[in-house]
Amino acid sequence: MLSELDPLSELQAAVRKFQAREERVDTRGLRQVIDVLEGEFATEARELQKAGEHLSGGHITA
């Protein structure tokens, strides 16, 4: 059941559903969603850097 998933799992499921569509979408709206997600990634990566977590396990972030 989708409501039992964490937010990232819900997003991943929504992306898979979106990718399975047959119709075209508004590219402007799609770009806006991509920009928001890139902002989310940058925020998370920066918080990990501040906490030093990007160094654990030898992993790097953006």
PDB file of N, CA and C in Angstrom:
ATOM      1  N   MET A   1       0.850  -1.187   0.000  1.00  0.00           N
ATOM      2  CA  MET A   1       0.000   0.000   0.000  1.00  0.00           C
ATOM      3  C   MET A   1       0.890   1.242   0.000  1.00  0.00           C
ATOM      4  N   LEU A   2       0.585   2.182  -0.862  1.00  0.00           N
ATOM      5  CA  LEU A   2       1.420   3.365  -1.052  1.00  0.00           C
ATOM      6  C   LEU A   2       1.525   4.217   0.203  1.00  0.00           C
ATOM      7  N   SER A   3       0.471   4.313   0.985  1.00  0.00           N
ATOM      8  CA  SER A   3       0.491   5.179   2.159  1.00  0.00           C
ATOM      9  C   SER A   3       1.465   4.696   3.226  1.00  0.00           C
ATOM     10  N   GLU A   4       1.916   3.448   3.135  1.00  0.00           N
ATOM     11  CA  GLU A   4       2.856   2.910   4.111  1.00  0.00           C
ATOM     12  C   GLU A   4       4.309   3.170   3.719  1.00  0.00           C
ATOM     13  N   LEU A   5       4.532   3.737   2.553  1.00  0.00           N
ATOM     14  CA  LEU A   5       5.880   3.982   2.067  1.00  0.00           C
ATOM     15  C   LEU A   5       6.416   5.299   2.610  1.00  0.00           C
ATOM     16  N   ASP A   6       7.741   5.378   2.690  1.00  0.00           N
ATOM     17  CA  ASP A   6       8.358   6.642   3.070  1.00  0.00           C
ATOM     18  C   ASP A   6       8.258   7.604   1.876  1.00  0.00           C
ATOM     19  N   PRO A   7       8.476   8.894   2.104  1.00  0.00           N
ATOM     20  CA  PRO A   7       8.304   9.879   1.027  1.00  0.00           C
ATOM     21  C   PRO A   7       9.147   9.600  -0.221  1.00  0.00           C
ATOM     22  N   LEU A   8      10.381   9.143  -0.058  1.00  0.00           N
ATOM     23  CA  LEU A   8      11.210   8.863  -1.229  1.00  0.00           C
ATOM     24  C   LEU A   8      10.653   7.681  -2.013  1.00  0.00           C
ATOM     25  N   SER A   9      10.202   6.653  -1.317  1.00  0.00           N
ATOM     26  CA  SER A   9       9.603   5.499  -1.995  1.00  0.00           C
ATOM     27  C   SER A   9       8.335   5.903  -2.737  1.00  0.00           C
ATOM     28  N   GLU A  10       7.553   6.788  -2.146  1.00  0.00           N
ATOM     29  CA  GLU A  10       6.354   7.292  -2.817  1.00  0.00           C
ATOM     30  C   GLU A  10       6.729   8.051  -4.083  1.00  0.00           C
ATOM     31  N   LEU A  11       7.776   8.873  -4.002  1.00  0.00           N
ATOM     32  CA  LEU A  11       8.230   9.625  -5.168  1.00  0.00           C
ATOM     33  C   LEU A  11       8.716   8.672  -6.255  1.00  0.00           C
ATOM     34  N   GLN A  12       9.484   7.665  -5.876  1.00  0.00           N
ATOM     35  CA  GLN A  12       9.980   6.694  -6.852  1.00  0.00           C
ATOM     36  C   GLN A  12       8.829   5.971  -7.542  1.00  0.00           C
ATOM     37  N   ALA A  13       7.808   5.605  -6.784  1.00  0.00           N
ATOM     38  CA  ALA A  13       6.636   4.945  -7.364  1.00  0.00           C
ATOM     39  C   ALA A  13       5.907   5.883  -8.324  1.00  0.00           C
ATOM     40  N   ALA A  14       5.797   7.153  -7.945  1.00  0.00           N
ATOM     41  CA  ALA A  14       5.138   8.130  -8.812  1.00  0.00           C
ATOM     42  C   ALA A  14       5.924   8.327 -10.106  1.00  0.00           C
ATOM     43  N   VAL A  15       7.240   8.313 -10.018  1.00  0.00           N
ATOM     44  CA  VAL A  15       8.074   8.464 -11.217  1.00  0.00           C
ATOM     45  C   VAL A  15       7.879   7.266 -12.141  1.00  0.00           C
ATOM     46  N   ARG A  16       7.853   6.062 -11.580  1.00  0.00           N
ATOM     47  CA  ARG A  16       7.628   4.870 -12.411  1.00  0.00           C
ATOM     48  C   ARG A  16       6.267   4.943 -13.104  1.00  0.00           C
ATOM     49  N   LYS A  17       5.252   5.379 -12.376  1.00  0.00           N
ATOM     50  CA  LYS A  17       3.915   5.531 -12.960  1.00  0.00           C
ATOM     51  C   LYS A  17       3.942   6.575 -14.073  1.00  0.00           C
ATOM     52  N   PHE A  18       4.632   7.680 -13.828  1.00  0.00           N
ATOM     53  CA  PHE A  18       4.745   8.738 -14.831  1.00  0.00           C
ATOM     54  C   PHE A  18       5.452   8.220 -16.081  1.00  0.00           C
ATOM     55  N   GLN A  19       6.514   7.469 -15.891  1.00  0.00           N
ATOM     56  CA  GLN A  19       7.272   6.959 -17.029  1.00  0.00           C
ATOM     57  C   GLN A  19       6.471   5.951 -17.854  1.00  0.00           C
ATOM     58  N   ALA A  20       5.495   5.314 -17.253  1.00  0.00           N
ATOM     59  CA  ALA A  20       4.686   4.314 -17.950  1.00  0.00           C
ATOM     60  C   ALA A  20       3.539   4.941 -18.752  1.00  0.00           C
ATOM     61  N   ARG A  21       3.384   6.252 -18.681  1.00  0.00           N
ATOM     62  CA  ARG A  21       2.280   6.915 -19.376  1.00  0.00           C
ATOM     63  C   ARG A  21       2.464   6.793 -20.884  1.00  0.00           C
ATOM     64  N   GLU A  22       1.378   6.977 -21.596  1.00  0.00           N
ATOM     65  CA  GLU A  22       1.426   6.936 -23.056  1.00  0.00           C
ATOM     66  C   GLU A  22       1.280   8.318 -23.679  1.00  0.00           C
ATOM     67  N   GLU A  23       0.703   9.253 -22.949  1.00  0.00           N
ATOM     68  CA  GLU A  23       0.455  10.581 -23.510  1.00  0.00           C
ATOM     69  C   GLU A  23       1.647  11.513 -23.268  1.00  0.00           C
ATOM     70  N   ARG A  24       1.720  12.543 -24.077  1.00  0.00           N
ATOM     71  CA  ARG A  24       2.749  13.572 -23.902  1.00  0.00           C
ATOM     72  C   ARG A  24       2.359  14.480 -22.748  1.00  0.00           C
ATOM     73  N   VAL A  25       3.353  15.178 -22.213  1.00  0.00           N
ATOM     74  CA  VAL A  25       3.091  16.102 -21.109  1.00  0.00           C
ATOM     75  C   VAL A  25       3.609  17.488 -21.471  1.00  0.00           C
ATOM     76  N   ASP A  26       3.156  18.471 -20.726  1.00  0.00           N
ATOM     77  CA  ASP A  26       3.616  19.845 -20.884  1.00  0.00           C
ATOM     78  C   ASP A  26       5.069  19.918 -20.420  1.00  0.00           C
ATOM     79  N   THR A  27       5.979  20.251 -21.322  1.00  0.00           N
ATOM     80  CA  THR A  27       7.396  20.271 -20.965  1.00  0.00           C
ATOM     81  C   THR A  27       7.727  21.363 -19.957  1.00  0.00           C
ATOM     82  N   ARG A  28       6.990  22.462 -19.975  1.00  0.00           N
ATOM     83  CA  ARG A  28       7.233  23.529 -19.000  1.00  0.00           C
ATOM     84  C   ARG A  28       6.927  23.020 -17.585  1.00  0.00           C
ATOM     85  N   GLY A  29       5.810  22.352 -17.421  1.00  0.00           N
ATOM     86  CA  GLY A  29       5.447  21.794 -16.118  1.00  0.00           C
ATOM     87  C   GLY A  29       6.428  20.729 -15.670  1.00  0.00           C
ATOM     88  N   LEU A  30       6.859  19.893 -16.611  1.00  0.00           N
ATOM     89  CA  LEU A  30       7.840  18.856 -16.290  1.00  0.00           C
ATOM     90  C   LEU A  30       9.150  19.485 -15.833  1.00  0.00           C
ATOM     91  N   ARG A  31       9.595  20.531 -16.532  1.00  0.00           N
ATOM     92  CA  ARG A  31      10.842  21.209 -16.155  1.00  0.00           C
ATOM     93  C   ARG A  31      10.731  21.816 -14.762  1.00  0.00           C
ATOM     94  N   GLN A  32       9.570  22.354 -14.424  1.00  0.00           N
ATOM     95  CA  GLN A  32       9.372  22.932 -13.096  1.00  0.00           C
ATOM     96  C   GLN A  32       9.518  21.869 -12.013  1.00  0.00           C
ATOM     97  N   VAL A  33       8.961  20.693 -12.262  1.00  0.00           N
ATOM     98  CA  VAL A  33       9.080  19.597 -11.293  1.00  0.00           C
ATOM     99  C   VAL A  33      10.537  19.170 -11.159  1.00  0.00           C
ATOM    100  N   ILE A  34      11.236  19.058 -12.273  1.00  0.00           N
ATOM    101  CA  ILE A  34      12.653  18.680 -12.252  1.00  0.00           C
ATOM    102  C   ILE A  34      13.461  19.711 -11.469  1.00  0.00           C
ATOM    103  N   ASP A  35      13.198  20.987 -11.694  1.00  0.00           N
ATOM    104  CA  ASP A  35      13.918  22.047 -10.978  1.00  0.00           C
ATOM    105  C   ASP A  35      13.691  21.958  -9.474  1.00  0.00           C
ATOM    106  N   VAL A  36      12.455  21.694  -9.071  1.00  0.00           N
ATOM    107  CA  VAL A  36      12.152  21.558  -7.645  1.00  0.00           C
ATOM    108  C   VAL A  36      12.926  20.381  -7.053  1.00  0.00           C
ATOM    109  N   LEU A  37      12.954  19.263  -7.766  1.00  0.00           N
ATOM    110  CA  LEU A  37      13.675  18.089  -7.268  1.00  0.00           C
ATOM    111  C   LEU A  37      15.181  18.337  -7.217  1.00  0.00           C
ATOM    112  N   GLU A  38      15.723  19.056  -8.194  1.00  0.00           N
ATOM    113  CA  GLU A  38      17.145  19.400  -8.151  1.00  0.00           C
ATOM    114  C   GLU A  38      17.445  20.278  -6.945  1.00  0.00           C
ATOM    115  N   GLY A  39      16.541  21.181  -6.624  1.00  0.00           N
ATOM    116  CA  GLY A  39      16.699  22.013  -5.433  1.00  0.00           C
ATOM    117  C   GLY A  39      16.675  21.174  -4.166  1.00  0.00           C
ATOM    118  N   GLU A  40      15.777  20.200  -4.113  1.00  0.00           N
ATOM    119  CA  GLU A  40      15.709  19.291  -2.964  1.00  0.00           C
ATOM    120  C   GLU A  40      17.017  18.517  -2.816  1.00  0.00           C
ATOM    121  N   PHE A  41      17.538  18.018  -3.937  1.00  0.00           N
ATOM    122  CA  PHE A  41      18.796  17.279  -3.899  1.00  0.00           C
ATOM    123  C   PHE A  41      19.925  18.168  -3.384  1.00  0.00           C
ATOM    124  N   ALA A  42      20.015  19.380  -3.906  1.00  0.00           N
ATOM    125  CA  ALA A  42      21.079  20.294  -3.493  1.00  0.00           C
ATOM    126  C   ALA A  42      20.987  20.609  -2.004  1.00  0.00           C
ATOM    127  N   THR A  43      19.778  20.798  -1.509  1.00  0.00           N
ATOM    128  CA  THR A  43      19.587  21.081  -0.085  1.00  0.00           C
ATOM    129  C   THR A  43      20.034  19.900   0.764  1.00  0.00           C
ATOM    130  N   GLU A  44      19.618  18.695   0.384  1.00  0.00           N
ATOM    131  CA  GLU A  44      20.005  17.493   1.134  1.00  0.00           C
ATOM    132  C   GLU A  44      21.520  17.290   1.093  1.00  0.00           C
ATOM    133  N   ALA A  45      22.115  17.467  -0.088  1.00  0.00           N
ATOM    134  CA  ALA A  45      23.558  17.287  -0.225  1.00  0.00           C
ATOM    135  C   ALA A  45      24.313  18.296   0.634  1.00  0.00           C
ATOM    136  N   ARG A  46      23.843  19.527   0.653  1.00  0.00           N
ATOM    137  CA  ARG A  46      24.501  20.563   1.464  1.00  0.00           C
ATOM    138  C   ARG A  46      24.399  20.246   2.948  1.00  0.00           C
ATOM    139  N   GLU A  47      23.248  19.771   3.394  1.00  0.00           N
ATOM    140  CA  GLU A  47      23.088  19.402   4.803  1.00  0.00           C
ATOM    141  C   GLU A  47      24.017  18.250   5.170  1.00  0.00           C
ATOM    142  N   LEU A  48      24.183  17.290   4.272  1.00  0.00           N
ATOM    143  CA  LEU A  48      25.112  16.189   4.527  1.00  0.00           C
ATOM    144  C   LEU A  48      26.548  16.703   4.610  1.00  0.00           C
ATOM    145  N   GLN A  49      26.897  17.644   3.740  1.00  0.00           N
ATOM    146  CA  GLN A  49      28.238  18.224   3.781  1.00  0.00           C
ATOM    147  C   GLN A  49      28.477  18.942   5.095  1.00  0.00           C
ATOM    148  N   LYS A  50      27.500  19.719   5.535  1.00  0.00           N
ATOM    149  CA  LYS A  50      27.637  20.448   6.797  1.00  0.00           C
ATOM    150  C   LYS A  50      27.846  19.494   7.961  1.00  0.00           C
ATOM    151  N   ALA A  51      27.171  18.360   7.917  1.00  0.00           N
ATOM    152  CA  ALA A  51      27.265  17.383   9.000  1.00  0.00           C
ATOM    153  C   ALA A  51      28.483  16.474   8.843  1.00  0.00           C
ATOM    154  N   GLY A  52      29.187  16.592   7.721  1.00  0.00           N
ATOM    155  CA  GLY A  52      30.348  15.748   7.481  1.00  0.00           C
ATOM    156  C   GLY A  52      29.993  14.342   7.038  1.00  0.00           C
ATOM    157  N   GLU A  53      28.718  14.089   6.795  1.00  0.00           N
ATOM    158  CA  GLU A  53      28.285  12.750   6.419  1.00  0.00           C
ATOM    159  C   GLU A  53      28.699  12.372   5.006  1.00  0.00           C
ATOM    160  N   HIS A  54      29.032  13.348   4.185  1.00  0.00           N
ATOM    161  CA  HIS A  54      29.452  13.037   2.823  1.00  0.00           C
ATOM    162  C   HIS A  54      30.807  12.332   2.805  1.00  0.00           C
ATOM    163  N   LEU A  55      31.506  12.373   3.925  1.00  0.00           N
ATOM    164  CA  LEU A  55      32.810  11.724   4.007  1.00  0.00           C
ATOM    165  C   LEU A  55      32.717  10.295   4.520  1.00  0.00           C
ATOM    166  N   SER A  56      31.609   9.938   5.142  1.00  0.00           N
ATOM    167  CA  SER A  56      31.483   8.599   5.702  1.00  0.00           C
ATOM    168  C   SER A  56      31.387   7.573   4.586  1.00  0.00           C
ATOM    169  N   GLY A  57      32.140   6.540   4.693  1.00  0.00           N
ATOM    170  CA  GLY A  57      32.131   5.484   3.701  1.00  0.00           C
ATOM    171  C   GLY A  57      32.783   5.869   2.390  1.00  0.00           C
ATOM    172  N   GLY A  58      33.470   6.999   2.356  1.00  0.00           N
ATOM    173  CA  GLY A  58      34.151   7.417   1.142  1.00  0.00           C
ATOM    174  C   GLY A  58      33.226   7.942   0.061  1.00  0.00           C
ATOM    175  N   HIS A  59      31.982   8.244   0.406  1.00  0.00           N
ATOM    176  CA  HIS A  59      31.034   8.737  -0.585  1.00  0.00           C
ATOM    177  C   HIS A  59      31.164  10.238  -0.747  1.00  0.00           C
ATOM    178  N   ILE A  60      30.991  10.680  -1.962  1.00  0.00           N
ATOM    179  CA  ILE A  60      31.001  12.113  -2.236  1.00  0.00           C
ATOM    180  C   ILE A  60      29.595  12.556  -2.600  1.00  0.00           C
ATOM    181  N   THR A  61      29.327  13.836  -2.482  1.00  0.00           N
ATOM    182  CA  THR A  61      28.036  14.388  -2.887  1.00  0.00           C
ATOM    183  C   THR A  61      28.272  15.476  -3.905  1.00  0.00           C
ATOM    184  N   ALA A  62      27.210  15.990  -4.420  1.00  0.00           N
ATOM    185  CA  ALA A  62      27.300  17.035  -5.446  1.00  0.00           C
ATOM    186  C   ALA A  62      27.970  18.274  -4.908  1.00  0.00           C
TER     187      ALA A  62
END
